Amino acid sequence: MAVVETERYGQILVVRMNRPERLNALNHEMRTRLAETWSQFRRDNDVEVAIFTGAGRAFCAGEDMKESLQHGTPGGRRPAIEDPFMSGALEKPVIAAVNGYAMGGGFMLVERTDLRVAARGAVFEVSEAKRWLLGGYNHGHVANLPFPIAMEMALGFRFTAERFYEIGFLNRLVDGDRLIPAALEMAEHLLSLPPASRVNTVHMMRQMRPMPAPEQQQLAASLKEHGAKSDLIESRAAFAEKRPPRFKGWDDPEDRYRLPTLDTLKN
């Protein structure tokens, strides 16, 4: 059984993650197959719009924790080839059809798409605060959401599809049996546009998305190193073993009071 399946509807390509027994968690094989699929989609002049979805009751649960523990690589192993969807090199529009859980890396896949349809009852979570030494500070900012909602996202709270639709993160909210039909309707609208208009407009809109300033990204890089690195594996081990985590926090307890700041980075 292929971990990534595709279907063609004329000029529309449906890309489906297919590890339902693992909630479509991103192991090395799936990351590689997705990179290959998006590369083929990019080069194929007979398909112009993609719909990205998952099999079973999840869109994507994010990082495959068991594989990360097996190889001692928090975050998982990346494919040897470029994934144009993740790198931003893909010029064609992608519509997310979120059928269920979109957690961690799965949420980030939704975030990379241009338009989003979700089934009622789908659940979203930015999981970095639970797995790394810095929460997902940039996601709410990129989505242009109000500060308290961006803070809630960064700290790993869960969101329902209904709430995400209310705050403007989703374009459509539909019953489960309407998910792919609704995404296909959006794709057909895109195909009704002049090809150059479709490609150019998507490109321009992507350039206008908010991004953290370079100095803020530098501070984030410092904060990602500010804490006990052993907690990275501990968070994944606790998840896999279904037990409360035993976090250390900092190798030197005084480090909690020595937070890097924008000013200290300038010196």
Protein backbone atom coordinates (compact mmCIF):
# COMPACT_ATOMS: atom_id res chain seq x y z
CA MET A 1 0.00 0.00 0.00
CA ALA A 2 1.48 3.34 -1.08
CA VAL A 3 1.93 5.86 1.75
CA VAL A 4 0.98 8.64 -0.70
CA GLU A 5 -1.82 8.12 -3.22
CA THR A 6 -2.90 10.38 -6.09
CA GLU A 7 -6.05 10.76 -8.18
CA ARG A 8 -6.65 12.84 -11.30
CA TYR A 9 -9.76 14.89 -12.04
CA GLY A 10 -8.87 16.55 -15.32
CA GLN A 11 -6.35 19.28 -14.44
CA ILE A 12 -6.79 18.67 -10.70
CA LEU A 13 -4.53 16.33 -8.73
CA VAL A 14 -5.68 14.95 -5.38
CA VAL A 15 -2.72 14.05 -3.14
CA ARG A 16 -3.68 11.81 -0.22
CA MET A 17 -1.42 10.83 2.69
CA ASN A 18 -2.11 7.15 3.35
CA ARG A 19 -0.91 5.85 6.70
CA PRO A 20 -4.31 5.80 8.43
CA GLU A 21 -3.15 3.28 11.06
CA ARG A 22 -0.60 5.92 12.23
CA LEU A 23 -2.90 8.92 11.67
CA ASN A 24 -0.76 9.73 8.60
CA ALA A 25 2.26 10.57 10.77
CA LEU A 26 5.23 11.86 8.81
CA ASN A 27 7.89 9.17 8.70
CA HIS A 28 10.91 9.33 6.39
CA GLU A 29 9.18 7.30 3.67
CA MET A 30 6.13 9.56 3.57
CA ARG A 31 8.23 12.73 3.53
CA THR A 32 10.21 11.31 0.59
CA ARG A 33 7.08 10.22 -1.33
CA LEU A 34 5.50 13.65 -0.79
CA ALA A 35 8.64 15.37 -2.07
CA GLU A 36 8.56 13.17 -5.18
CA THR A 37 4.82 13.75 -5.71
CA TRP A 38 5.07 17.53 -5.42
CA SER A 39 8.09 17.55 -7.75
CA GLN A 40 6.14 15.57 -10.36
CA PHE A 41 3.11 17.83 -9.94
CA ARG A 42 5.28 20.89 -10.45
CA ARG A 43 6.70 19.57 -13.74
CA ASP A 44 3.44 18.15 -15.15
CA ASN A 45 1.82 20.70 -17.47
CA ASP A 46 -1.41 18.69 -17.56
CA VAL A 47 -2.28 19.38 -13.91
CA GLU A 48 -2.66 22.90 -12.54
CA VAL A 49 -4.25 22.69 -9.07
CA ALA A 50 -3.73 20.21 -6.21
CA ILE A 51 -5.99 19.13 -3.35
CA PHE A 52 -4.06 17.85 -0.31
CA THR A 53 -5.83 15.50 2.11
CA GLY A 54 -5.40 12.45 4.33
CA ALA A 55 -6.85 8.95 4.58
CA GLY A 56 -8.86 7.79 7.58
CA ARG A 57 -9.68 9.96 10.58
CA ALA A 58 -6.67 12.28 10.39
CA PHE A 59 -5.21 14.72 7.92
CA CYS A 60 -1.77 14.30 9.47
CA ALA A 61 -0.65 13.77 13.09
CA GLY A 62 2.76 15.32 12.41
CA GLU A 63 6.12 13.83 13.30
CA ASP A 64 6.33 10.05 13.61
CA MET A 65 7.51 9.92 17.24
CA LYS A 66 8.37 6.22 17.16
CA GLU A 67 10.69 6.67 14.19
CA SER A 68 12.28 9.73 15.81
CA LEU A 69 13.02 7.72 18.96
CA GLN A 70 14.32 4.77 16.95
CA HIS A 71 16.84 6.95 15.10
CA GLY A 72 17.48 9.51 17.86
CA THR A 73 16.49 12.36 15.53
CA PRO A 74 13.94 14.78 17.05
CA GLY A 75 11.83 16.19 14.25
CA GLY A 76 12.41 13.20 11.99
CA ARG A 77 14.67 12.66 9.00
CA ARG A 78 14.15 14.89 5.97
CA PRO A 79 14.16 13.53 2.40
CA ALA A 80 17.33 13.67 0.33
CA ILE A 81 15.51 15.58 -2.43
CA GLU A 82 13.88 19.00 -2.37
CA ASP A 83 10.18 19.18 -1.54
CA PRO A 84 8.95 22.15 -3.62
CA PHE A 85 5.74 22.37 -1.59
CA MET A 86 7.69 22.91 1.64
CA SER A 87 10.47 25.04 0.11
CA GLY A 88 8.06 27.45 -1.57
CA ALA A 89 9.31 26.63 -5.07
CA LEU A 90 5.92 25.22 -6.15
CA GLU A 91 4.19 27.79 -8.36
CA LYS A 92 0.83 26.02 -8.55
CA PRO A 93 -1.95 26.52 -5.97
CA VAL A 94 -2.68 23.84 -3.36
CA ILE A 95 -6.01 23.47 -1.53
CA ALA A 96 -6.04 21.69 1.84
CA ALA A 97 -8.97 19.32 2.45
CA VAL A 98 -8.61 18.69 6.17
CA ASN A 99 -10.53 15.53 7.06
CA GLY A 100 -9.48 15.17 10.72
CA TYR A 101 -6.55 15.79 13.06
CA ALA A 102 -3.91 18.25 11.79
CA MET A 103 -1.27 18.32 14.51
CA GLY A 104 2.30 19.62 14.68
CA GLY A 105 3.92 18.98 11.32
CA GLY A 106 0.45 18.19 9.97
CA PHE A 107 -0.70 21.67 10.95
CA MET A 108 2.34 23.08 9.16
CA LEU A 109 1.29 21.27 5.98
CA VAL A 110 -2.12 22.97 6.16
CA GLU A 111 -0.39 26.28 6.80
CA ARG A 112 1.61 25.94 3.57
CA THR A 113 -1.55 25.64 1.44
CA ASP A 114 -3.22 28.55 -0.33
CA LEU A 115 -6.89 27.72 0.34
CA ARG A 116 -8.38 25.50 3.07
CA VAL A 117 -11.52 23.42 3.42
CA ALA A 118 -12.10 21.46 6.63
CA ALA A 119 -14.61 18.89 7.81
CA ARG A 120 -16.64 19.78 10.86
CA GLY A 121 -15.03 18.34 13.96
CA ALA A 122 -11.45 18.46 12.60
CA VAL A 123 -8.87 19.37 15.26
CA PHE A 124 -5.75 21.53 14.85
CA GLU A 125 -2.71 21.99 17.07
CA VAL A 126 0.63 23.79 16.80
CA SER A 127 2.70 21.32 18.82
CA GLU A 128 6.17 22.89 19.00
CA ALA A 129 5.75 24.00 22.62
CA LYS A 130 5.25 20.34 23.56
CA ARG A 131 8.21 18.92 21.61
CA TRP A 132 10.89 21.63 21.39
CA LEU A 133 12.42 24.42 23.49
CA LEU A 134 10.40 27.15 21.78
CA GLY A 135 6.70 27.13 20.93
CA GLY A 136 5.33 27.92 17.47
CA TYR A 137 5.79 31.69 17.81
CA ASN A 138 5.48 32.43 14.09
CA HIS A 139 2.31 30.59 13.07
CA GLY A 140 -0.30 33.03 14.33
CA HIS A 141 1.81 35.91 13.05
CA VAL A 142 2.01 34.41 9.55
CA ALA A 143 -1.75 33.83 9.66
CA ASN A 144 -2.22 37.49 10.65
CA LEU A 145 -4.21 36.53 13.76
CA PRO A 146 -4.71 38.70 16.87
CA PHE A 147 -2.00 38.45 19.53
CA PRO A 148 -3.93 36.42 22.16
CA ILE A 149 -4.95 33.83 19.55
CA ALA A 150 -1.39 33.69 18.20
CA MET A 151 -0.21 33.19 21.80
CA GLU A 152 -2.74 30.40 22.31
CA MET A 153 -1.50 28.69 19.15
CA ALA A 154 2.15 29.10 20.16
CA LEU A 155 1.52 27.49 23.57
CA GLY A 156 0.07 24.32 22.06
CA PHE A 157 -3.64 24.71 22.74
CA ARG A 158 -5.98 22.80 20.44
CA PHE A 159 -8.43 24.47 18.06
CA THR A 160 -11.56 23.06 16.46
CA ALA A 161 -12.27 23.56 12.78
CA GLU A 162 -15.33 25.57 13.81
CA ARG A 163 -13.19 28.07 15.73
CA PHE A 164 -10.54 28.27 13.03
CA TYR A 165 -13.28 29.04 10.51
CA GLU A 166 -14.62 31.81 12.75
CA ILE A 167 -11.21 33.50 13.05
CA GLY A 168 -10.49 33.26 9.32
CA PHE A 169 -7.87 30.49 9.17
CA LEU A 170 -10.18 28.31 7.03
CA ASN A 171 -12.07 29.22 3.84
CA ARG A 172 -14.83 26.61 4.05
CA LEU A 173 -16.32 24.43 6.80
CA VAL A 174 -18.36 21.48 5.52
CA ASP A 175 -19.78 18.11 6.51
CA GLY A 176 -17.35 15.25 6.03
CA ASP A 177 -19.05 13.88 2.92
CA ARG A 178 -18.79 17.31 1.29
CA LEU A 179 -15.06 17.77 1.91
CA ILE A 180 -13.58 16.67 -1.42
CA PRO A 181 -16.54 17.99 -3.49
CA ALA A 182 -16.14 21.42 -1.85
CA ALA A 183 -12.39 21.39 -2.53
CA LEU A 184 -13.03 20.36 -6.14
CA GLU A 185 -15.45 23.27 -6.54
CA MET A 186 -12.75 25.68 -5.37
CA ALA A 187 -10.25 24.06 -7.73
CA GLU A 188 -12.65 24.37 -10.67
CA HIS A 189 -13.02 28.08 -9.94
CA LEU A 190 -9.24 28.47 -10.05
CA LEU A 191 -9.15 26.68 -13.40
CA SER A 192 -11.71 29.14 -14.79
CA LEU A 193 -9.17 31.97 -14.42
CA PRO A 194 -6.61 32.88 -17.10
CA PRO A 195 -3.57 30.68 -16.37
CA ALA A 196 -1.17 33.60 -15.93
CA SER A 197 -3.63 35.37 -13.63
CA ARG A 198 -3.94 32.28 -11.44
CA VAL A 199 -0.19 31.71 -11.16
CA ASN A 200 0.73 35.38 -10.78
CA THR A 201 -1.96 36.10 -8.19
CA VAL A 202 -1.00 33.13 -6.04
CA HIS A 203 2.65 34.19 -6.25
CA MET A 204 1.85 37.79 -5.30
CA MET A 205 -0.38 36.82 -2.40
CA ARG A 206 2.32 34.54 -1.01
CA GLN A 207 4.82 37.42 -1.07
CA MET A 208 2.43 39.52 1.04
CA ARG A 209 2.14 37.08 3.94
CA PRO A 210 3.53 38.52 7.20
CA MET A 211 6.87 37.13 8.33
CA PRO A 212 8.87 37.63 11.54
CA ALA A 213 11.63 40.21 11.10
CA PRO A 214 15.19 38.87 10.63
CA GLU A 215 16.23 39.94 14.14
CA GLN A 216 13.19 38.14 15.58
CA GLN A 217 14.15 35.00 13.69
CA GLN A 218 17.66 35.34 15.12
CA LEU A 219 16.22 35.58 18.63
CA ALA A 220 14.06 32.51 17.96
CA ALA A 221 17.16 30.56 16.88
CA SER A 222 18.82 31.45 20.19
CA LEU A 223 15.75 30.47 22.20
CA LYS A 224 15.60 27.10 20.44
CA GLU A 225 18.98 26.36 22.06
CA HIS A 226 18.01 27.80 25.48
CA GLY A 227 17.19 24.78 27.63
CA ALA A 228 18.05 21.17 28.34
CA LYS A 229 18.37 19.35 25.03
CA SER A 230 17.53 16.08 26.78
CA ASP A 231 13.93 17.32 27.01
CA LEU A 232 13.58 16.94 23.23
CA ILE A 233 13.86 13.16 23.43
CA GLU A 234 12.01 13.00 26.76
CA SER A 235 8.93 14.67 25.27
CA ARG A 236 8.84 12.09 22.49
CA ALA A 237 9.58 9.15 24.79
CA ALA A 238 6.76 10.18 27.15
CA PHE A 239 4.37 10.45 24.21
CA ALA A 240 5.33 7.03 22.84
CA GLU A 241 5.17 5.40 26.29
CA LYS A 242 1.88 7.15 27.20
CA ARG A 243 3.22 8.59 30.48
CA PRO A 244 3.73 12.07 31.95
CA PRO A 245 7.04 13.61 30.82
CA ARG A 246 9.90 14.12 33.28
CA PHE A 247 11.38 17.37 32.01
CA LYS A 248 14.67 18.81 33.23
CA GLY A 249 14.08 22.36 31.99
CA TRP A 250 17.62 23.77 32.04
CA ASP A 251 21.04 22.18 32.52
CA ASP A 252 21.87 25.19 34.70
CA PRO A 253 18.75 26.28 36.68
CA GLU A 254 19.92 29.89 36.56
CA ASP A 255 19.57 29.89 32.76
CA ARG A 256 15.82 30.42 33.11
CA TYR A 257 16.68 33.97 34.24
CA ARG A 258 19.22 34.54 31.44
CA LEU A 259 16.87 34.72 28.47
CA PRO A 260 18.45 36.06 25.28
CA THR A 261 16.84 39.29 24.08
CA LEU A 262 16.93 41.38 20.93
CA ASP A 263 19.25 43.82 22.72
CA THR A 264 21.74 41.17 23.90
CA LEU A 265 21.90 39.73 20.38
CA LYS A 266 22.99 43.12 19.06
CA ASN A 267 26.02 43.21 21.38
